[in-house]
């Protein structure tokens, strides 16, 4: 009788981040996995997967509070296999610049923040892994994990264990990865531990292959001695431009959640009795986009349920269902903030709201209007972060890489640079009365209300508060299919270090190229043209590749 390779397979959930993604990925491979719910479960486990999402310190404190640290160290010392993911790899080292909490000290070395000036931080995107050890003496032979340089894996992190030619032999590694002008350890395979800085459960078929190989093949391989290491000079980056499919989701007149899209946020069809425009079922579209090669999928909830996201049962179910079939990152936005109900006295913190979405399957959350209010408070408070904003609360627990701020600016034209106190540019797109200058005014409530803050002020403030990425929309270009607002994108990209996603206006493959070449954005996003198949994701990627832009195929 053939034994079940997943017998005794456990998932270590210390109470932070999206463990559902790993759980669903394992089940999609046909295996079963149990959750470690008490220290006693370590004695039952034959293999453990330890995913980590969020900050280093929070992970350590959570494990301490649940009495999981010592049982985990005892399990590792027993020689039974462990797979760590992201923070689940980082905590195996001695410590991190992110926190004063000590690490587990299984490996020598410290986790440090990216310092290069050539790339956005956090590092969010797809990149390759280069085998770092001599193949004849490698702890993990290539027939186990079979990592190839042409394969791309999904990274989302601000901190890493960096490669240093002078002392690298003291640090364990299986693969290393280049990001900008820095090289870091992207995976470890030594003794009974396999760990990755990237997220296999969000890396498509290549990531699923690694999970399967850990479950079915990985055993204690013994320590490495005398390995030869490659020089950092011989490692090149394969970091790619991300292509994101986005879905605006709201309830139609029958109360069903549908994917919709409008011109400048008008989602009703005048030619069809003013009904909500229905472009498909959210779960089915998400599955389609995963198959078609989307690097990420965004769900923007524009329905009335977002008034109380924790009561947003239909949207939570969409995430739960989609996460069973989609193994690339998923972002959810809409009403994520601290909430207090005047009618009932009930209240929820922003972290509780975000946690509900993470547990349902989201990997990142997007904050819109609440980010504008937080930025205004930041400036009123003399640019001091008081820790009370939704951005600060969530990023402190889950890390900056988990927080996206969605910005909805519109052009406000003036006759001269001195006519506005805001960041004003000379534009190639004159105003309705021939004005040659404009600034980008931020809005809230889906573009319905203007605020006296410009896009640069907002971007700088939310970066300081702890946002890890900006989703930059354009009210003027939305639904026009005439291209992204390159002036807007360039202005913001030059003002911050965090990644910027181009949104609103794409109508053909060349528009995606323009955003990358002329505005240097980190990702490009589209909605309606993908929904209606006017342009397909693979068309975009083929065109970008033909024009020397790295993409994941």
Protein backbone atom coordinates (compact mmCIF):
# COMPACT_ATOMS: atom_id res chain seq x y z
CA UNK A 1 0.00 0.00 0.00
CA UNK A 2 1.42 3.39 -1.04
CA UNK A 3 1.46 5.88 1.84
CA UNK A 4 0.01 9.35 1.49
CA UNK A 5 2.95 11.80 1.05
CA UNK A 6 0.96 14.49 2.83
CA UNK A 7 0.34 12.38 5.93
CA UNK A 8 1.49 14.41 8.90
CA UNK A 9 1.71 17.62 6.84
CA UNK A 10 0.96 20.69 8.96
CA UNK A 11 0.67 24.43 8.38
CA UNK A 12 2.05 26.73 11.09
CA UNK A 13 -0.37 29.64 11.48
CA UNK A 14 0.79 32.10 14.10
CA UNK A 15 -2.14 34.45 13.51
CA UNK A 16 -1.00 36.95 10.88
CA UNK A 17 -1.29 37.13 7.13
CA UNK A 18 -2.91 35.02 4.49
CA UNK A 19 -2.36 31.34 5.29
CA UNK A 20 -5.41 30.47 3.17
CA UNK A 21 -3.30 30.86 0.03
CA UNK A 22 -0.87 28.16 1.13
CA UNK A 23 -3.70 25.95 2.35
CA UNK A 24 -5.53 26.24 -1.00
CA UNK A 25 -2.34 25.73 -2.99
CA UNK A 26 -1.62 22.46 -1.17
CA UNK A 27 -5.19 21.26 -1.64
CA UNK A 28 -5.11 22.19 -5.35
CA UNK A 29 -2.22 19.73 -5.70
CA UNK A 30 -4.43 16.97 -4.30
CA UNK A 31 -2.95 16.86 -0.80
CA UNK A 32 -4.43 17.47 2.63
CA UNK A 33 -2.88 19.68 5.29
CA UNK A 34 -3.73 20.40 8.92
CA UNK A 35 -3.33 23.60 10.92
CA UNK A 36 -1.09 23.64 13.99
CA UNK A 37 -3.43 24.87 16.70
CA UNK A 38 -1.39 24.03 19.81
CA UNK A 39 2.21 23.17 20.81
CA UNK A 40 1.20 19.51 21.01
CA UNK A 41 0.62 19.40 17.25
CA UNK A 42 4.37 19.64 16.63
CA UNK A 43 4.75 16.11 17.96
CA UNK A 44 2.24 14.86 15.38
CA UNK A 45 3.81 16.67 12.44
CA UNK A 46 6.08 14.93 9.94
CA UNK A 47 6.49 18.00 7.72
CA UNK A 48 5.66 21.62 8.43
CA UNK A 49 5.10 24.58 6.12
CA UNK A 50 5.74 27.88 7.91
CA UNK A 51 4.41 30.85 5.89
CA UNK A 52 5.06 34.36 7.16
CA UNK A 53 3.35 37.55 6.12
CA UNK A 54 3.94 40.88 7.78
CA UNK A 55 6.65 42.25 10.02
CA UNK A 56 9.50 40.30 11.61
CA UNK A 57 8.78 41.51 15.15
CA UNK A 58 5.07 40.80 14.99
CA UNK A 59 5.76 37.25 13.83
CA UNK A 60 8.10 36.61 16.77
CA UNK A 61 5.74 38.18 19.30
CA UNK A 62 2.77 36.22 17.99
CA UNK A 63 4.65 32.94 18.25
CA UNK A 64 5.77 33.83 21.77
CA UNK A 65 2.21 34.64 22.84
CA UNK A 66 0.98 31.31 21.46
CA UNK A 67 3.87 29.31 23.00
CA UNK A 68 5.04 28.17 19.57
CA UNK A 69 8.71 29.25 19.58
CA UNK A 70 10.23 26.49 21.69
CA UNK A 71 8.17 23.69 20.07
CA UNK A 72 9.26 25.00 16.65
CA UNK A 73 12.95 25.00 17.65
CA UNK A 74 12.55 21.49 19.09
CA UNK A 75 10.90 20.34 15.84
CA UNK A 76 13.76 21.78 13.75
CA UNK A 77 16.34 20.11 15.99
CA UNK A 78 14.59 16.77 15.50
CA UNK A 79 15.60 16.77 11.84
CA UNK A 80 12.07 16.63 10.44
CA UNK A 81 11.47 18.75 7.29
CA UNK A 82 10.43 22.39 7.52
CA UNK A 83 9.55 24.78 4.68
CA UNK A 84 9.68 28.49 5.54
CA UNK A 85 8.14 31.17 3.33
CA UNK A 86 9.05 34.90 3.33
CA UNK A 87 9.04 36.02 6.98
CA UNK A 88 8.98 32.29 7.76
CA UNK A 89 12.50 32.22 6.29
CA UNK A 90 13.68 35.52 7.79
CA UNK A 91 12.92 34.59 11.41
CA UNK A 92 15.29 31.61 11.09
CA UNK A 93 18.18 34.12 11.20
CA UNK A 94 19.57 35.97 14.23
CA UNK A 95 17.55 39.15 13.88
CA UNK A 96 16.30 41.92 11.62
CA UNK A 97 16.68 45.68 11.26
CA UNK A 98 12.88 45.74 11.18
CA UNK A 99 12.58 44.84 14.86
CA UNK A 100 14.38 44.63 18.19
CA UNK A 101 12.99 41.12 18.67
CA UNK A 102 15.67 38.42 18.26
CA UNK A 103 15.24 35.79 15.59
CA UNK A 104 15.40 32.03 16.11
CA UNK A 105 19.14 31.93 15.38
CA UNK A 106 18.99 28.72 13.36
CA UNK A 107 21.26 30.43 10.80
CA UNK A 108 23.94 33.08 11.23
CA UNK A 109 23.24 36.47 9.72
CA UNK A 110 20.84 39.40 9.94
CA UNK A 111 17.94 40.59 7.83
CA UNK A 112 18.43 44.13 6.51
CA UNK A 113 16.44 46.67 4.52
CA UNK A 114 17.08 47.32 0.82
CA UNK A 115 19.28 50.40 0.43
CA UNK A 116 19.82 50.65 -3.33
CA UNK A 117 18.67 53.81 -5.07
CA UNK A 118 17.96 52.23 -8.44
CA UNK A 119 14.75 50.36 -7.60
CA UNK A 120 11.51 50.86 -5.69
CA UNK A 121 11.21 49.55 -2.14
CA UNK A 122 9.40 47.32 -1.22
CA UNK A 123 10.57 44.85 -3.84
CA UNK A 124 7.25 43.75 -5.32
CA UNK A 125 7.24 41.61 -8.43
CA UNK A 126 8.53 38.59 -10.29
CA UNK A 127 12.19 37.67 -10.50
CA UNK A 128 14.48 34.73 -11.18
CA UNK A 129 16.59 32.69 -8.78
CA UNK A 130 20.20 31.70 -9.52
CA UNK A 131 21.67 28.52 -8.01
CA UNK A 132 24.42 29.67 -5.68
CA UNK A 133 26.31 26.50 -4.81
CA UNK A 134 28.44 24.08 -6.77
CA UNK A 135 26.04 21.47 -8.14
CA UNK A 136 28.15 18.52 -7.01
CA UNK A 137 28.08 19.61 -3.37
CA UNK A 138 24.71 21.32 -3.14
CA UNK A 139 22.55 20.32 -0.18
CA UNK A 140 19.52 20.05 -2.43
CA UNK A 141 20.20 18.35 -5.73
CA UNK A 142 18.36 19.80 -8.70
CA UNK A 143 16.23 16.69 -9.07
CA UNK A 144 14.36 17.69 -5.90
CA UNK A 145 13.33 21.32 -6.49
CA UNK A 146 14.57 21.76 -10.05
CA UNK A 147 14.79 25.57 -9.88
CA UNK A 148 15.80 26.98 -13.25
CA UNK A 149 16.93 30.53 -13.93
CA UNK A 150 14.24 31.09 -16.58
CA UNK A 151 11.52 30.46 -14.00
CA UNK A 152 10.10 33.49 -12.21
CA UNK A 153 8.82 33.69 -8.65
CA UNK A 154 6.80 36.34 -6.83
CA UNK A 155 8.60 38.50 -4.26
CA UNK A 156 7.05 41.08 -1.92
CA UNK A 157 9.42 42.35 0.79
CA UNK A 158 11.44 45.32 2.04
CA UNK A 159 14.01 43.29 4.01
CA UNK A 160 16.32 40.47 3.01
CA UNK A 161 19.51 38.57 3.87
CA UNK A 162 22.06 40.08 1.52
CA UNK A 163 24.81 38.40 -0.46
CA UNK A 164 28.33 39.47 0.40
CA UNK A 165 31.18 37.80 -1.46
CA UNK A 166 33.50 38.20 1.53
CA UNK A 167 31.40 36.32 4.08
CA UNK A 168 28.79 34.51 2.06
CA UNK A 169 30.28 31.09 2.77
CA UNK A 170 29.13 31.61 6.36
CA UNK A 171 25.50 31.89 5.24
CA UNK A 172 23.30 29.07 3.95
CA UNK A 173 21.82 29.44 0.50
CA UNK A 174 20.35 27.50 -2.34
CA UNK A 175 19.60 30.40 -4.68
CA UNK A 176 20.31 34.12 -4.79
CA UNK A 177 18.48 36.91 -6.61
CA UNK A 178 19.48 40.33 -7.92
CA UNK A 179 17.29 43.39 -7.32
CA UNK A 180 18.72 46.66 -8.59
CA UNK A 181 22.33 46.79 -7.38
CA UNK A 182 21.83 44.40 -4.46
CA UNK A 183 21.87 40.60 -4.33
CA UNK A 184 20.07 38.64 -1.62
CA UNK A 185 19.41 35.08 -0.52
CA UNK A 186 16.20 33.99 -2.25
CA UNK A 187 16.11 30.41 -0.95
CA UNK A 188 17.84 28.09 1.51
CA UNK A 189 18.19 24.33 1.35
CA UNK A 190 20.31 22.81 4.07
CA UNK A 191 19.84 19.90 6.44
CA UNK A 192 16.09 19.54 7.01
CA UNK A 193 15.14 23.10 6.02
CA UNK A 194 13.96 24.44 2.71
CA UNK A 195 12.98 28.12 2.85
CA UNK A 196 12.17 30.82 0.31
CA UNK A 197 12.09 34.61 0.40
CA UNK A 198 9.55 34.49 -2.44
CA UNK A 199 6.00 33.13 -2.22
CA UNK A 200 5.66 29.74 -3.99
CA UNK A 201 1.89 29.75 -3.36
CA UNK A 202 1.64 32.97 -5.40
CA UNK A 203 4.14 32.02 -8.12
CA UNK A 204 1.85 30.15 -10.49
CA UNK A 205 2.78 26.70 -11.78
CA UNK A 206 6.48 27.07 -10.96
CA UNK A 207 5.69 27.84 -7.34
CA UNK A 208 3.18 25.01 -7.09
CA UNK A 209 5.88 22.66 -8.38
CA UNK A 210 8.14 23.63 -5.46
CA UNK A 211 5.36 22.96 -2.95
CA UNK A 212 4.68 19.58 -4.52
CA UNK A 213 8.36 18.64 -4.46
CA UNK A 214 8.68 19.60 -0.79
CA UNK A 215 5.66 17.44 0.09
CA UNK A 216 6.64 14.41 -1.99
CA UNK A 217 10.44 14.43 -2.19
CA UNK A 218 12.17 16.55 0.42
CA UNK A 219 14.00 14.85 3.26
CA UNK A 220 16.99 15.69 5.45
CA UNK A 221 19.84 16.10 2.95
CA UNK A 222 22.70 16.57 5.41
CA UNK A 223 24.95 19.56 5.97
CA UNK A 224 26.97 21.25 3.25
CA UNK A 225 30.74 21.58 3.45
CA UNK A 226 33.24 23.08 1.06
CA UNK A 227 30.68 24.48 -1.37
CA UNK A 228 31.78 26.89 -4.05
CA UNK A 229 29.86 30.12 -4.49
CA UNK A 230 29.29 32.28 -7.52
CA UNK A 231 30.35 35.92 -7.53
CA UNK A 232 27.70 38.60 -7.23
CA UNK A 233 29.12 40.15 -10.39
CA UNK A 234 27.81 37.18 -12.36
CA UNK A 235 24.21 37.54 -11.23
CA UNK A 236 21.84 39.62 -13.38
CA UNK A 237 18.34 40.76 -12.48
CA UNK A 238 15.29 39.36 -14.24
CA UNK A 239 12.86 41.59 -12.39
CA UNK A 240 9.79 42.15 -14.55
CA UNK A 241 7.12 44.73 -15.27
CA UNK A 242 3.90 43.42 -13.70
CA UNK A 243 0.68 43.32 -15.75
CA UNK A 244 -2.35 43.49 -13.45
CA UNK A 245 -5.97 42.71 -14.24
CA UNK A 246 -8.41 44.78 -12.19
CA UNK A 247 -12.11 44.25 -11.49
CA UNK A 248 -14.52 46.89 -10.22
CA UNK A 249 -17.18 44.92 -8.35
CA UNK A 250 -20.58 46.10 -7.19
CA UNK A 251 -24.09 44.82 -6.66
CA UNK A 252 -26.43 45.09 -9.61
CA UNK A 253 -30.13 45.89 -9.28
CA UNK A 254 -30.84 42.24 -8.42
CA UNK A 255 -28.37 42.28 -5.53
CA UNK A 256 -25.78 40.11 -7.35
CA UNK A 257 -22.12 41.06 -7.29
CA UNK A 258 -20.86 41.61 -10.83
CA UNK A 259 -17.77 42.99 -12.50
CA UNK A 260 -18.57 46.38 -13.97
CA UNK A 261 -16.77 49.25 -15.63
CA UNK A 262 -17.72 52.78 -16.61
CA UNK A 263 -16.49 55.91 -18.27
CA UNK A 264 -15.12 58.16 -15.53
CA UNK A 265 -16.79 56.00 -12.87
CA UNK A 266 -20.31 55.92 -14.40
CA UNK A 267 -21.19 52.22 -14.37
CA UNK A 268 -24.79 52.36 -15.60
CA UNK A 269 -25.82 51.53 -19.15
CA UNK A 270 -28.00 54.33 -20.52
CA UNK A 271 -28.91 52.25 -23.55
CA UNK A 272 -30.26 49.41 -21.39
CA UNK A 273 -32.72 50.99 -18.99
CA UNK A 274 -29.90 52.50 -16.88
CA UNK A 275 -28.93 49.08 -15.53
CA UNK A 276 -25.55 48.43 -13.93
CA UNK A 277 -23.12 47.37 -16.64
CA UNK A 278 -22.42 43.64 -16.18
CA UNK A 279 -19.10 42.38 -17.55
CA UNK A 280 -19.04 39.02 -15.85
CA UNK A 281 -18.81 36.94 -12.70
CA UNK A 282 -15.87 37.99 -10.48
CA UNK A 283 -14.66 34.48 -9.66
CA UNK A 284 -14.88 33.25 -13.25
CA UNK A 285 -13.04 36.33 -14.53
CA UNK A 286 -10.34 35.91 -11.88
CA UNK A 287 -9.84 32.29 -12.94
CA UNK A 288 -9.64 33.38 -16.58
CA UNK A 289 -7.04 36.05 -15.84
CA UNK A 290 -4.89 33.61 -13.88
CA UNK A 291 -4.89 31.19 -16.82
CA UNK A 292 -4.18 34.02 -19.26
CA UNK A 293 -1.07 35.06 -17.34
CA UNK A 294 -2.04 38.05 -15.18
CA UNK A 295 0.76 38.76 -12.71
CA UNK A 296 -1.70 40.01 -10.10
CA UNK A 297 -5.47 40.42 -9.80
CA UNK A 298 -7.18 43.33 -8.06
CA UNK A 299 -10.74 43.38 -6.73
CA UNK A 300 -12.05 46.89 -6.06
CA UNK A 301 -15.31 46.73 -4.15
CA UNK A 302 -17.52 49.68 -5.12
CA UNK A 303 -20.79 48.30 -3.76
CA UNK A 304 -22.71 49.45 -0.69
CA UNK A 305 -21.47 46.44 1.34
CA UNK A 306 -18.19 48.29 1.82
CA UNK A 307 -19.83 50.56 4.43
CA UNK A 308 -19.25 47.70 6.86
CA UNK A 309 -16.61 45.41 5.29
CA UNK A 310 -16.84 42.84 8.10
CA UNK A 311 -20.47 42.32 7.09
CA UNK A 312 -19.40 42.05 3.47
CA UNK A 313 -20.21 38.34 3.25
CA UNK A 314 -20.66 38.27 -0.56
CA UNK A 315 -17.25 39.89 -1.20
CA UNK A 316 -15.52 37.67 1.33
CA UNK A 317 -17.02 34.63 -0.41
CA UNK A 318 -15.70 35.86 -3.75
CA UNK A 319 -12.18 36.00 -2.30
CA UNK A 320 -12.56 32.59 -0.67
CA UNK A 321 -13.69 31.03 -3.94
CA UNK A 322 -11.13 32.81 -6.13
CA UNK A 323 -8.24 31.83 -3.85
CA UNK A 324 -8.95 28.16 -4.63
CA UNK A 325 -8.08 28.70 -8.30
CA UNK A 326 -5.86 31.80 -8.43
CA UNK A 327 -2.20 31.34 -7.44
CA UNK A 328 -0.92 34.85 -8.07
CA UNK A 329 -1.33 37.78 -5.64
CA UNK A 330 -4.81 39.22 -5.09
CA UNK A 331 -5.50 42.75 -3.85
CA UNK A 332 -8.82 43.86 -2.35
CA UNK A 333 -9.97 47.45 -1.90
CA UNK A 334 -13.10 49.22 -0.76
CA UNK A 335 -14.00 50.73 2.60
CA UNK A 336 -11.00 49.40 4.51
CA UNK A 337 -10.65 51.63 7.58
CA UNK A 338 -11.54 51.83 11.26
CA UNK A 339 -15.32 51.79 11.64
CA UNK A 340 -17.76 52.77 14.36
CA UNK A 341 -21.50 52.29 13.84
CA UNK A 342 -23.49 55.12 15.43
CA UNK A 343 -26.70 53.09 15.31
CA UNK A 344 -25.38 50.07 17.23
CA UNK A 345 -22.21 51.27 18.90
CA UNK A 346 -20.25 48.46 17.25
CA UNK A 347 -16.69 49.25 16.19
CA UNK A 348 -13.84 47.57 14.33
CA UNK A 349 -10.22 48.59 13.96
CA UNK A 350 -8.66 48.89 10.52
CA UNK A 351 -6.54 45.86 11.36
CA UNK A 352 -9.62 43.76 12.13
CA UNK A 353 -11.20 44.80 8.83
CA UNK A 354 -8.02 44.00 6.88
CA UNK A 355 -7.61 40.70 8.73
CA UNK A 356 -11.04 39.54 7.54
CA UNK A 357 -9.97 40.06 3.93
CA UNK A 358 -6.55 38.45 4.43
CA UNK A 359 -8.14 35.38 5.97
CA UNK A 360 -10.56 35.20 3.03
CA UNK A 361 -7.67 35.03 0.56
CA UNK A 362 -6.38 38.55 -0.12
CA UNK A 363 -2.63 39.19 -0.16
CA UNK A 364 -2.75 42.99 -0.17
CA UNK A 365 -5.37 45.54 0.77
CA UNK A 366 -6.02 48.84 -0.99
CA UNK A 367 -7.00 51.99 0.91
CA UNK A 368 -8.63 54.91 -0.92
CA UNK A 369 -10.54 57.76 0.68
CA UNK A 370 -9.30 56.98 4.18
CA UNK A 371 -5.72 57.46 2.96
CA UNK A 372 -6.58 61.00 1.85
CA UNK A 373 -8.01 61.85 5.26
CA UNK A 374 -4.93 60.34 6.92
CA UNK A 375 -2.61 62.42 4.72
CA UNK A 376 -4.48 65.59 5.61
CA UNK A 377 -4.11 64.74 9.30
CA UNK A 378 -0.40 64.03 8.74
CA UNK A 379 0.16 67.58 7.50
CA UNK A 380 -2.02 69.12 10.20
CA UNK A 381 0.15 67.22 12.70
CA UNK A 382 3.37 68.83 11.34
CA UNK A 383 4.30 65.70 9.35
CA UNK A 384 4.37 63.52 12.46
CA UNK A 385 3.07 59.97 12.29
CA UNK A 386 0.88 59.44 15.34
CA UNK A 387 0.20 55.76 14.67
CA UNK A 388 -3.57 56.17 14.47
CA UNK A 389 -4.14 55.93 10.71
CA UNK A 390 -5.36 52.78 8.99
CA UNK A 391 -2.15 52.69 6.98
CA UNK A 392 0.01 52.71 10.10
CA UNK A 393 -2.10 50.18 11.98
CA UNK A 394 -2.14 47.65 9.14
CA UNK A 395 1.47 48.07 7.98
CA UNK A 396 2.76 47.67 11.53
CA UNK A 397 1.23 44.21 11.69
CA UNK A 398 1.34 42.99 8.10
CA UNK A 399 4.24 45.02 6.73
CA UNK A 400 4.28 47.93 4.30
CA UNK A 401 4.18 45.54 1.34
CA UNK A 402 0.61 44.57 2.28
CA UNK A 403 -0.76 48.13 2.01
CA UNK A 404 -1.63 49.70 -1.34
CA UNK A 405 -3.00 53.25 -1.53
CA UNK A 406 -5.39 53.89 -4.41
CA UNK A 407 -5.33 57.54 -5.53
CA UNK A 408 -8.05 59.18 -7.66
CA UNK A 409 -6.72 62.54 -8.86
CA UNK A 410 -8.06 64.86 -11.54
CA UNK A 411 -6.47 67.69 -13.49
CA UNK A 412 -7.08 71.23 -12.23
CA UNK A 413 -5.93 73.78 -14.78
CA UNK A 414 -4.39 77.19 -13.97
CA UNK A 415 -2.87 79.97 -16.06
CA UNK A 416 0.56 80.07 -14.40
CA UNK A 417 2.79 78.25 -11.92
CA UNK A 418 2.07 80.94 -9.32
CA UNK A 419 -1.71 80.51 -9.53
CA UNK A 420 -1.70 77.50 -7.19
CA UNK A 421 0.21 76.61 -4.01
CA UNK A 422 0.18 72.98 -5.11
CA UNK A 423 2.68 71.00 -7.20
CA UNK A 424 1.96 72.45 -10.62
CA UNK A 425 3.41 71.35 -13.95
CA UNK A 426 3.56 72.77 -17.45
CA UNK A 427 1.45 70.33 -19.42
CA UNK A 428 1.34 69.13 -23.01
CA UNK A 429 -2.42 68.74 -22.63
CA UNK A 430 -3.86 72.28 -22.50
CA UNK A 431 -6.99 72.97 -20.48
CA UNK A 432 -10.46 73.84 -21.85
CA UNK A 433 -9.49 77.51 -22.12
CA UNK A 434 -5.99 76.90 -23.39
CA UNK A 435 -4.37 76.79 -19.93
CA UNK A 436 -0.79 75.49 -20.09
CA UNK A 437 -0.44 74.54 -16.44
CA UNK A 438 -2.21 72.12 -14.11
CA UNK A 439 -2.00 70.37 -10.78
CA UNK A 440 -3.54 67.04 -9.85
CA UNK A 441 -6.24 67.38 -7.20
CA UNK A 442 -7.04 64.36 -5.06
CA UNK A 443 -10.61 63.20 -4.58
CA UNK A 444 -12.53 60.89 -2.25
CA UNK A 445 -15.75 58.90 -2.42
CA UNK A 446 -15.06 57.48 -5.86
CA UNK A 447 -14.13 60.82 -7.38
CA UNK A 448 -17.29 62.57 -6.23
CA UNK A 449 -15.67 64.95 -3.71
CA UNK A 450 -12.60 67.14 -4.22
CA UNK A 451 -10.02 67.73 -1.48
CA UNK A 452 -7.46 70.52 -1.10
CA UNK A 453 -4.46 68.24 -1.40
CA UNK A 454 -2.46 67.38 -4.50
CA UNK A 455 -1.20 64.03 -5.68
CA UNK A 456 2.43 64.64 -4.70
CA UNK A 457 1.45 65.74 -1.19
CA UNK A 458 -0.69 62.64 -0.82
CA UNK A 459 1.93 60.26 -2.20
CA UNK A 460 4.68 61.61 0.05
CA UNK A 461 2.43 61.48 3.12
CA UNK A 462 1.20 57.91 2.67
CA UNK A 463 4.74 56.68 2.01
CA UNK A 464 5.76 58.22 5.34
CA UNK A 465 2.76 56.63 7.05
CA UNK A 466 3.74 53.16 5.84
CA UNK A 467 2.11 52.49 2.48
CA UNK A 468 4.08 50.07 0.35
CA UNK A 469 2.64 50.77 -3.09
CA UNK A 470 0.56 53.34 -4.99
CA UNK A 471 -2.25 52.53 -7.42
CA UNK A 472 -2.42 55.72 -9.46
CA UNK A 473 -5.72 56.26 -11.27
CA UNK A 474 -6.75 59.20 -13.46
CA UNK A 475 -10.31 60.48 -13.42
CA UNK A 476 -9.67 62.35 -16.68
CA UNK A 477 -8.37 59.31 -18.55
CA UNK A 478 -10.60 56.62 -17.05
CA UNK A 479 -12.52 54.70 -19.71
CA UNK A 480 -11.08 56.80 -22.55
CA UNK A 481 -8.75 54.12 -24.00
CA UNK A 482 -6.41 56.95 -25.09
CA UNK A 483 -3.52 55.95 -22.87
CA UNK A 484 -2.33 56.54 -19.33
CA UNK A 485 -1.70 60.05 -18.04
CA UNK A 486 2.08 59.91 -18.40
CA UNK A 487 2.60 63.35 -16.87
CA UNK A 488 0.74 62.29 -13.74
CA UNK A 489 2.65 59.01 -13.51
CA UNK A 490 6.05 60.66 -14.00
CA UNK A 491 5.34 63.33 -11.41
CA UNK A 492 4.44 60.80 -8.72
CA UNK A 493 7.13 58.28 -9.63
CA UNK A 494 9.81 60.95 -9.13
CA UNK A 495 8.37 61.91 -5.74
CA UNK A 496 8.44 58.54 -3.92
CA UNK A 497 10.56 55.41 -3.57
CA UNK A 498 7.69 52.94 -3.22
CA UNK A 499 6.35 51.15 -6.34
CA UNK A 500 3.80 52.90 -8.56
CA UNK A 501 1.08 51.10 -10.55
CA UNK A 502 -0.24 52.83 -13.69
CA UNK A 503 -4.03 52.75 -14.01
CA UNK A 504 -6.81 54.33 -16.12
CA UNK A 505 -6.84 54.82 -19.86
CA UNK A 506 -5.05 51.90 -21.50
CA UNK A 507 -6.56 51.00 -24.85
CA UNK A 508 -3.82 49.20 -26.78
CA UNK A 509 -0.51 47.43 -26.08
CA UNK A 510 1.62 50.49 -26.87
CA UNK A 511 0.02 52.36 -23.96
CA UNK A 512 1.50 49.83 -21.51
CA UNK A 513 4.92 50.33 -23.09
CA UNK A 514 4.60 54.12 -22.84
CA UNK A 515 3.92 53.91 -19.10
CA UNK A 516 7.01 51.78 -18.57
CA UNK A 517 9.42 53.67 -20.81
CA UNK A 518 8.29 57.26 -20.24
CA UNK A 519 7.13 57.09 -16.63
CA UNK A 520 9.23 54.20 -15.27
CA UNK A 521 6.30 52.65 -13.40
CA UNK A 522 6.61 49.31 -11.63
CA UNK A 523 3.34 47.80 -12.88
CA UNK A 524 0.59 48.46 -15.42
CA UNK A 525 -3.08 47.79 -14.79
CA UNK A 526 -6.16 47.55 -16.97
CA UNK A 527 -9.76 46.56 -16.55
CA UNK A 528 -12.39 47.07 -19.26
CA UNK A 529 -10.21 46.21 -22.25
CA UNK A 530 -9.32 42.89 -20.59
CA UNK A 531 -12.92 42.16 -19.57
CA UNK A 532 -14.20 42.75 -23.12
CA UNK A 533 -11.16 41.05 -24.74
CA UNK A 534 -10.45 44.17 -26.77
CA UNK A 535 -6.83 43.58 -25.76
CA UNK A 536 -5.61 40.35 -24.19
CA UNK A 537 -2.99 40.00 -21.48
CA UNK A 538 -0.72 37.90 -23.67
CA UNK A 539 -0.90 40.52 -26.44
CA UNK A 540 0.35 43.11 -23.97
CA UNK A 541 3.17 40.88 -22.74
CA UNK A 542 4.24 39.91 -26.26
CA UNK A 543 4.38 43.57 -27.29
CA UNK A 544 6.36 44.54 -24.19
CA UNK A 545 8.81 41.68 -24.70
CA UNK A 546 9.30 42.67 -28.35
CA UNK A 547 10.26 46.12 -27.09
CA UNK A 548 12.86 44.87 -24.59
CA UNK A 549 10.67 45.11 -21.47
CA UNK A 550 11.04 42.10 -19.17
CA UNK A 551 7.74 40.35 -18.49
CA UNK A 552 6.67 37.00 -17.06
CA UNK A 553 5.38 34.63 -19.73
